[in-house]
N, C-alpha and C. Protein backbone atom coordinates (compact mmCIF):
# COMPACT_ATOMS: atom_id res chain seq x y z
N MET A 1 26.35 -26.11 -22.96
CA MET A 1 26.84 -25.87 -21.62
C MET A 1 25.76 -26.31 -20.63
N ARG A 2 26.18 -27.09 -19.66
CA ARG A 2 25.27 -27.59 -18.66
C ARG A 2 25.26 -26.65 -17.46
N THR A 3 24.09 -26.55 -16.84
CA THR A 3 23.96 -25.76 -15.64
C THR A 3 24.57 -26.51 -14.47
N PRO A 4 25.45 -25.89 -13.72
CA PRO A 4 26.03 -26.58 -12.56
C PRO A 4 24.91 -26.98 -11.60
N LEU A 5 25.06 -28.12 -11.01
CA LEU A 5 24.02 -28.67 -10.12
C LEU A 5 23.74 -27.77 -8.92
N TYR A 6 24.73 -27.09 -8.40
CA TYR A 6 24.48 -26.24 -7.25
C TYR A 6 23.64 -24.98 -7.58
N LEU A 7 23.50 -24.66 -8.87
CA LEU A 7 22.65 -23.52 -9.27
C LEU A 7 21.22 -23.92 -9.56
N LEU A 8 20.94 -25.21 -9.56
CA LEU A 8 19.61 -25.70 -9.89
C LEU A 8 18.54 -25.16 -8.94
N PRO A 9 18.72 -25.15 -7.63
CA PRO A 9 17.66 -24.59 -6.77
C PRO A 9 17.37 -23.11 -7.05
N LEU A 10 18.42 -22.34 -7.35
CA LEU A 10 18.21 -20.94 -7.69
C LEU A 10 17.44 -20.80 -8.98
N LEU A 11 17.78 -21.61 -9.96
CA LEU A 11 17.09 -21.58 -11.25
C LEU A 11 15.61 -21.93 -11.07
N LEU A 12 15.35 -22.96 -10.25
CA LEU A 12 13.95 -23.36 -10.01
C LEU A 12 13.17 -22.25 -9.29
N LEU A 13 13.81 -21.56 -8.36
CA LEU A 13 13.14 -20.42 -7.71
C LEU A 13 12.81 -19.33 -8.70
N LEU A 14 13.74 -19.04 -9.59
CA LEU A 14 13.48 -18.00 -10.60
C LEU A 14 12.35 -18.39 -11.54
N LEU A 15 12.36 -19.66 -11.94
CA LEU A 15 11.31 -20.10 -12.86
C LEU A 15 9.94 -20.19 -12.17
N ALA A 16 9.94 -20.47 -10.85
CA ALA A 16 8.67 -20.55 -10.14
C ALA A 16 7.99 -19.19 -10.11
N GLY A 17 8.73 -18.10 -10.11
CA GLY A 17 8.13 -16.78 -10.11
C GLY A 17 7.67 -16.35 -11.49
N CYS A 18 8.14 -17.01 -12.53
CA CYS A 18 7.76 -16.65 -13.90
C CYS A 18 6.41 -17.27 -14.23
N GLY A 19 5.72 -16.64 -15.13
CA GLY A 19 4.47 -17.19 -15.59
C GLY A 19 3.25 -16.88 -14.70
N SER A 20 3.46 -16.17 -13.66
CA SER A 20 2.35 -15.79 -12.80
C SER A 20 1.62 -14.60 -13.40
N ASP A 21 0.32 -14.71 -13.47
CA ASP A 21 -0.48 -13.60 -14.03
C ASP A 21 -0.95 -12.68 -12.91
N MET A 22 -0.31 -12.70 -11.80
CA MET A 22 -0.75 -11.89 -10.68
C MET A 22 -0.41 -10.42 -10.93
N ASP A 23 -1.42 -9.61 -10.88
CA ASP A 23 -1.27 -8.18 -10.94
C ASP A 23 -2.26 -7.60 -9.93
N ASP A 24 -2.35 -6.28 -9.84
CA ASP A 24 -3.21 -5.68 -8.84
C ASP A 24 -4.66 -6.10 -9.03
N GLU A 25 -5.14 -6.09 -10.26
CA GLU A 25 -6.54 -6.45 -10.54
C GLU A 25 -6.83 -7.90 -10.15
N THR A 26 -5.91 -8.79 -10.49
CA THR A 26 -6.12 -10.23 -10.17
C THR A 26 -6.11 -10.39 -8.67
N TYR A 27 -5.18 -9.73 -7.99
CA TYR A 27 -5.11 -9.85 -6.52
C TYR A 27 -6.41 -9.37 -5.90
N VAL A 28 -6.92 -8.25 -6.32
CA VAL A 28 -8.16 -7.75 -5.75
C VAL A 28 -9.30 -8.76 -5.99
N SER A 29 -9.37 -9.31 -7.18
CA SER A 29 -10.39 -10.31 -7.49
C SER A 29 -10.29 -11.53 -6.59
N VAL A 30 -9.05 -11.98 -6.36
CA VAL A 30 -8.81 -13.15 -5.51
C VAL A 30 -9.26 -12.83 -4.07
N ILE A 31 -8.89 -11.67 -3.57
CA ILE A 31 -9.24 -11.34 -2.16
C ILE A 31 -10.74 -11.22 -1.99
N LEU A 32 -11.41 -10.61 -2.96
CA LEU A 32 -12.88 -10.47 -2.85
C LEU A 32 -13.56 -11.83 -2.97
N ALA A 33 -13.06 -12.68 -3.88
CA ALA A 33 -13.64 -14.03 -4.03
C ALA A 33 -13.39 -14.85 -2.76
N LYS A 34 -12.19 -14.74 -2.21
CA LYS A 34 -11.89 -15.46 -0.98
C LYS A 34 -12.83 -15.06 0.15
N THR A 35 -13.06 -13.80 0.28
CA THR A 35 -13.95 -13.29 1.31
C THR A 35 -15.35 -13.80 1.10
N THR A 36 -15.79 -13.80 -0.15
CA THR A 36 -17.15 -14.28 -0.50
C THR A 36 -17.28 -15.75 -0.12
N TYR A 37 -16.28 -16.55 -0.45
CA TYR A 37 -16.35 -17.99 -0.12
C TYR A 37 -16.34 -18.19 1.39
N MET A 38 -15.64 -17.37 2.10
CA MET A 38 -15.61 -17.51 3.57
C MET A 38 -16.96 -17.12 4.17
N LEU A 39 -17.59 -16.09 3.61
CA LEU A 39 -18.87 -15.62 4.15
C LEU A 39 -20.05 -16.52 3.71
N GLU A 40 -20.14 -16.77 2.40
CA GLU A 40 -21.33 -17.48 1.89
C GLU A 40 -21.21 -18.99 2.04
N ASP A 41 -20.05 -19.53 1.74
CA ASP A 41 -19.89 -20.99 1.80
C ASP A 41 -19.28 -21.45 3.11
N GLU A 42 -18.91 -20.51 3.96
CA GLU A 42 -18.31 -20.79 5.24
C GLU A 42 -17.06 -21.69 5.14
N LEU A 43 -16.27 -21.44 4.07
CA LEU A 43 -15.03 -22.20 3.89
C LEU A 43 -13.96 -21.63 4.84
N PRO A 44 -13.07 -22.50 5.30
CA PRO A 44 -11.91 -22.04 6.06
C PRO A 44 -11.02 -21.16 5.15
N VAL A 45 -10.19 -20.34 5.76
CA VAL A 45 -9.38 -19.39 5.02
C VAL A 45 -8.54 -20.07 3.90
N ASP A 46 -7.84 -21.16 4.25
CA ASP A 46 -6.98 -21.79 3.26
C ASP A 46 -7.77 -22.34 2.09
N GLU A 47 -8.91 -22.97 2.36
CA GLU A 47 -9.72 -23.48 1.26
C GLU A 47 -10.32 -22.38 0.43
N ALA A 48 -10.76 -21.33 1.06
CA ALA A 48 -11.34 -20.20 0.33
C ALA A 48 -10.27 -19.55 -0.56
N LEU A 49 -9.06 -19.42 -0.05
CA LEU A 49 -7.98 -18.86 -0.85
C LEU A 49 -7.62 -19.75 -2.03
N ALA A 50 -7.54 -21.05 -1.80
CA ALA A 50 -7.23 -21.97 -2.89
C ALA A 50 -8.28 -21.91 -4.00
N LYS A 51 -9.53 -21.89 -3.60
CA LYS A 51 -10.63 -21.83 -4.59
C LYS A 51 -10.64 -20.49 -5.34
N ALA A 52 -10.45 -19.40 -4.61
CA ALA A 52 -10.45 -18.07 -5.25
C ALA A 52 -9.26 -17.94 -6.18
N ALA A 53 -8.12 -18.41 -5.76
CA ALA A 53 -6.92 -18.33 -6.61
C ALA A 53 -7.12 -19.13 -7.87
N ALA A 54 -7.65 -20.36 -7.75
CA ALA A 54 -7.89 -21.21 -8.94
C ALA A 54 -8.87 -20.56 -9.87
N ASP A 55 -9.92 -19.93 -9.33
CA ASP A 55 -10.90 -19.25 -10.17
C ASP A 55 -10.27 -18.12 -10.99
N ASN A 56 -9.17 -17.57 -10.48
CA ASN A 56 -8.51 -16.46 -11.18
C ASN A 56 -7.22 -16.87 -11.90
N GLY A 57 -6.99 -18.17 -11.99
CA GLY A 57 -5.83 -18.66 -12.74
C GLY A 57 -4.49 -18.51 -12.08
N VAL A 58 -4.49 -18.40 -10.74
CA VAL A 58 -3.25 -18.30 -10.01
C VAL A 58 -3.25 -19.34 -8.88
N THR A 59 -2.16 -19.41 -8.18
CA THR A 59 -2.08 -20.33 -7.04
C THR A 59 -2.01 -19.53 -5.72
N PRO A 60 -2.31 -20.18 -4.62
CA PRO A 60 -2.13 -19.46 -3.34
C PRO A 60 -0.70 -18.94 -3.14
N ASP A 61 0.30 -19.68 -3.64
CA ASP A 61 1.68 -19.20 -3.53
C ASP A 61 1.85 -17.92 -4.31
N ASP A 62 1.19 -17.78 -5.45
CA ASP A 62 1.27 -16.54 -6.23
C ASP A 62 0.73 -15.39 -5.40
N VAL A 63 -0.37 -15.65 -4.70
CA VAL A 63 -0.97 -14.60 -3.88
C VAL A 63 -0.03 -14.19 -2.77
N TYR A 64 0.57 -15.19 -2.07
CA TYR A 64 1.51 -14.87 -0.99
C TYR A 64 2.73 -14.06 -1.52
N LYS A 65 3.25 -14.48 -2.67
CA LYS A 65 4.38 -13.76 -3.23
C LYS A 65 4.00 -12.32 -3.59
N PHE A 66 2.80 -12.16 -4.12
CA PHE A 66 2.34 -10.83 -4.46
C PHE A 66 2.18 -9.99 -3.19
N GLU A 67 1.67 -10.59 -2.14
CA GLU A 67 1.55 -9.82 -0.87
C GLU A 67 2.90 -9.43 -0.33
N ASP A 68 3.91 -10.29 -0.55
CA ASP A 68 5.28 -9.89 -0.14
C ASP A 68 5.76 -8.66 -0.89
N THR A 69 5.47 -8.60 -2.20
CA THR A 69 5.91 -7.42 -2.97
C THR A 69 5.12 -6.18 -2.50
N LEU A 70 3.86 -6.36 -2.15
CA LEU A 70 3.09 -5.22 -1.64
C LEU A 70 3.64 -4.68 -0.33
N ALA A 71 4.12 -5.61 0.51
CA ALA A 71 4.64 -5.20 1.81
C ALA A 71 5.83 -4.26 1.67
N ASN A 72 6.54 -4.34 0.55
CA ASN A 72 7.72 -3.50 0.33
C ASN A 72 7.40 -2.24 -0.47
N ASP A 73 6.15 -2.03 -0.79
CA ASP A 73 5.75 -0.87 -1.61
C ASP A 73 4.52 -0.24 -1.02
N PRO A 74 4.65 0.63 -0.03
CA PRO A 74 3.52 1.20 0.69
C PRO A 74 2.50 1.93 -0.22
N GLU A 75 3.01 2.64 -1.22
CA GLU A 75 2.09 3.32 -2.14
C GLU A 75 1.20 2.38 -2.92
N ARG A 76 1.82 1.32 -3.42
CA ARG A 76 1.05 0.33 -4.17
C ARG A 76 0.10 -0.39 -3.25
N LEU A 77 0.54 -0.69 -2.05
CA LEU A 77 -0.33 -1.34 -1.07
C LEU A 77 -1.55 -0.48 -0.81
N ALA A 78 -1.35 0.80 -0.62
CA ALA A 78 -2.47 1.73 -0.38
C ALA A 78 -3.41 1.74 -1.57
N SER A 79 -2.86 1.70 -2.78
CA SER A 79 -3.70 1.68 -3.97
C SER A 79 -4.53 0.39 -4.06
N VAL A 80 -3.94 -0.73 -3.74
CA VAL A 80 -4.64 -2.01 -3.79
C VAL A 80 -5.72 -2.05 -2.68
N VAL A 81 -5.39 -1.57 -1.51
CA VAL A 81 -6.42 -1.54 -0.44
C VAL A 81 -7.58 -0.64 -0.86
N GLU A 82 -7.30 0.46 -1.50
CA GLU A 82 -8.37 1.34 -1.96
C GLU A 82 -9.23 0.64 -3.00
N MET A 83 -8.60 -0.13 -3.90
CA MET A 83 -9.35 -0.90 -4.89
C MET A 83 -10.26 -1.88 -4.21
N ILE A 84 -9.76 -2.58 -3.21
CA ILE A 84 -10.57 -3.56 -2.50
C ILE A 84 -11.75 -2.87 -1.81
N MET A 85 -11.47 -1.76 -1.15
CA MET A 85 -12.55 -1.04 -0.45
C MET A 85 -13.62 -0.53 -1.41
N ASN A 86 -13.20 -0.07 -2.58
CA ASN A 86 -14.15 0.45 -3.57
C ASN A 86 -15.06 -0.66 -4.12
N ARG A 87 -14.55 -1.86 -4.16
CA ARG A 87 -15.33 -2.94 -4.77
C ARG A 87 -15.99 -3.84 -3.73
N SER A 88 -15.82 -3.56 -2.50
CA SER A 88 -16.35 -4.47 -1.48
C SER A 88 -17.60 -4.03 -0.81
N GLY A 89 -18.33 -3.07 -1.38
CA GLY A 89 -19.55 -2.57 -0.77
C GLY A 89 -20.57 -3.64 -0.48
N GLU A 90 -20.84 -4.48 -1.44
CA GLU A 90 -21.81 -5.57 -1.26
C GLU A 90 -21.32 -6.55 -0.20
N LEU A 91 -20.04 -6.85 -0.23
CA LEU A 91 -19.50 -7.78 0.77
C LEU A 91 -19.61 -7.19 2.16
N ARG A 92 -19.40 -5.89 2.29
CA ARG A 92 -19.53 -5.26 3.62
C ARG A 92 -20.95 -5.42 4.14
N GLU A 93 -21.92 -5.23 3.26
CA GLU A 93 -23.35 -5.40 3.64
C GLU A 93 -23.62 -6.83 4.08
N LYS A 94 -23.13 -7.79 3.30
CA LYS A 94 -23.33 -9.21 3.65
C LYS A 94 -22.68 -9.53 4.98
N PHE A 95 -21.44 -9.02 5.16
CA PHE A 95 -20.72 -9.30 6.38
C PHE A 95 -21.46 -8.71 7.57
N ALA A 96 -21.93 -7.48 7.42
CA ALA A 96 -22.66 -6.82 8.52
C ALA A 96 -23.92 -7.61 8.88
N GLU A 97 -24.63 -8.11 7.86
CA GLU A 97 -25.82 -8.89 8.08
C GLU A 97 -25.50 -10.21 8.79
N LEU A 98 -24.52 -10.94 8.30
CA LEU A 98 -24.10 -12.17 8.90
C LEU A 98 -23.62 -11.96 10.33
N TYR A 99 -22.86 -10.91 10.56
CA TYR A 99 -22.31 -10.60 11.87
C TYR A 99 -23.45 -10.31 12.83
N SER A 100 -24.43 -9.52 12.38
CA SER A 100 -25.54 -9.19 13.28
C SER A 100 -26.37 -10.42 13.62
N GLN A 101 -26.46 -11.39 12.71
CA GLN A 101 -27.21 -12.62 12.98
C GLN A 101 -26.45 -13.47 14.00
N ALA A 102 -25.13 -13.38 13.99
CA ALA A 102 -24.29 -14.21 14.86
C ALA A 102 -24.21 -13.66 16.29
N LEU A 103 -24.60 -12.42 16.46
CA LEU A 103 -24.52 -11.83 17.81
C LEU A 103 -25.54 -12.46 18.71
N PRO A 104 -25.19 -12.70 19.97
CA PRO A 104 -26.19 -13.25 20.89
C PRO A 104 -27.26 -12.21 21.21
N GLU A 105 -28.42 -12.74 21.58
CA GLU A 105 -29.52 -11.86 21.97
C GLU A 105 -29.11 -11.12 23.26
N PRO A 106 -29.43 -9.87 23.32
CA PRO A 106 -29.07 -9.16 24.54
C PRO A 106 -29.83 -9.73 25.74
N ALA A 107 -29.17 -9.80 26.85
CA ALA A 107 -29.81 -10.32 28.06
C ALA A 107 -30.79 -9.27 28.58
N PRO A 108 -31.90 -9.76 29.17
CA PRO A 108 -32.83 -8.76 29.71
C PRO A 108 -32.16 -7.99 30.83
N PRO A 109 -32.58 -6.76 31.02
CA PRO A 109 -31.93 -5.96 32.07
C PRO A 109 -32.16 -6.57 33.44
N MET A 110 -31.16 -6.52 34.25
CA MET A 110 -31.25 -7.10 35.58
C MET A 110 -32.02 -6.12 36.47
N GLU A 111 -32.76 -6.69 37.40
CA GLU A 111 -33.45 -5.84 38.36
C GLU A 111 -32.44 -5.31 39.35
N PRO A 112 -32.61 -4.07 39.74
CA PRO A 112 -31.62 -3.52 40.70
C PRO A 112 -31.71 -4.29 42.01
N THR A 113 -30.58 -4.52 42.58
CA THR A 113 -30.55 -5.20 43.88
C THR A 113 -30.88 -4.18 44.98
N PRO A 114 -31.63 -4.66 45.97
CA PRO A 114 -31.96 -3.71 47.07
C PRO A 114 -30.71 -3.30 47.79
N PRO A 115 -30.71 -2.07 48.30
CA PRO A 115 -29.52 -1.62 49.02
C PRO A 115 -29.33 -2.44 50.29
N VAL A 116 -28.12 -2.64 50.64
CA VAL A 116 -27.78 -3.41 51.83
C VAL A 116 -27.68 -2.42 53.00
N GLU A 117 -28.44 -2.74 54.05
CA GLU A 117 -28.42 -1.87 55.23
C GLU A 117 -27.18 -2.25 56.08
N PRO A 118 -26.51 -1.30 56.67
CA PRO A 118 -25.37 -1.63 57.49
C PRO A 118 -25.84 -2.36 58.75
N ALA A 119 -25.04 -3.28 59.17
CA ALA A 119 -25.37 -4.04 60.39
C ALA A 119 -25.23 -3.14 61.60
N PRO A 120 -26.08 -3.36 62.63
CA PRO A 120 -25.95 -2.55 63.84
C PRO A 120 -24.61 -2.83 64.51
N PRO A 121 -24.12 -1.88 65.24
CA PRO A 121 -22.81 -2.10 65.94
C PRO A 121 -22.95 -3.24 66.93
N LEU A 122 -21.90 -3.97 67.07
CA LEU A 122 -21.87 -5.11 68.00
C LEU A 122 -21.71 -4.61 69.44
N GLU A 123 -22.41 -5.30 70.32
CA GLU A 123 -22.25 -5.01 71.75
C GLU A 123 -20.91 -5.54 72.22
N PRO A 124 -20.20 -4.80 73.01
CA PRO A 124 -18.90 -5.33 73.49
C PRO A 124 -19.12 -6.55 74.35
N THR A 125 -18.27 -7.52 74.23
CA THR A 125 -18.34 -8.70 75.06
C THR A 125 -17.73 -8.41 76.43
N PRO A 126 -18.09 -9.17 77.44
CA PRO A 126 -17.55 -8.88 78.79
C PRO A 126 -16.03 -8.83 78.82
N SER A 127 -15.33 -9.59 78.05
CA SER A 127 -13.86 -9.62 78.12
C SER A 127 -13.31 -8.31 77.51
N GLU A 128 -14.07 -7.64 76.67
CA GLU A 128 -13.60 -6.41 76.06
C GLU A 128 -13.87 -5.21 76.92
N GLU A 129 -14.76 -5.35 77.91
CA GLU A 129 -15.09 -4.22 78.74
C GLU A 129 -13.91 -3.85 79.62
N THR A 130 -13.74 -2.62 79.83
CA THR A 130 -12.64 -2.14 80.68
C THR A 130 -13.19 -1.90 82.08
N PRO A 131 -12.44 -2.22 83.15
CA PRO A 131 -12.94 -2.06 84.51
C PRO A 131 -13.04 -0.62 84.95
């Protein structure tokens, strides 16, 4: 039996989701690796994600699909965020160090400006005087 041609796109979509090794642990590893590449190698987000995903045997599309499933499961999302936070201590320190280096030097304090004295009242002009 041959698959009808109009079902081929649906079949391809189903097959594209198969074979992904993405699970919570892999996702956490990808996110931490992506962040490391962005901080240490100064890679743009897309390049860092591609490299981190490849290092973990998945594709960026796998990561996006996984994030979509997390968006629909708040409890699992909270669990994954907690995993990331528990493992990101060293990254937080690196980020804080890099961030502090990137901050501009504080400007020296400005000297206070002298107070402005009010101008003396103007003398009335002859046209303003009343007879």
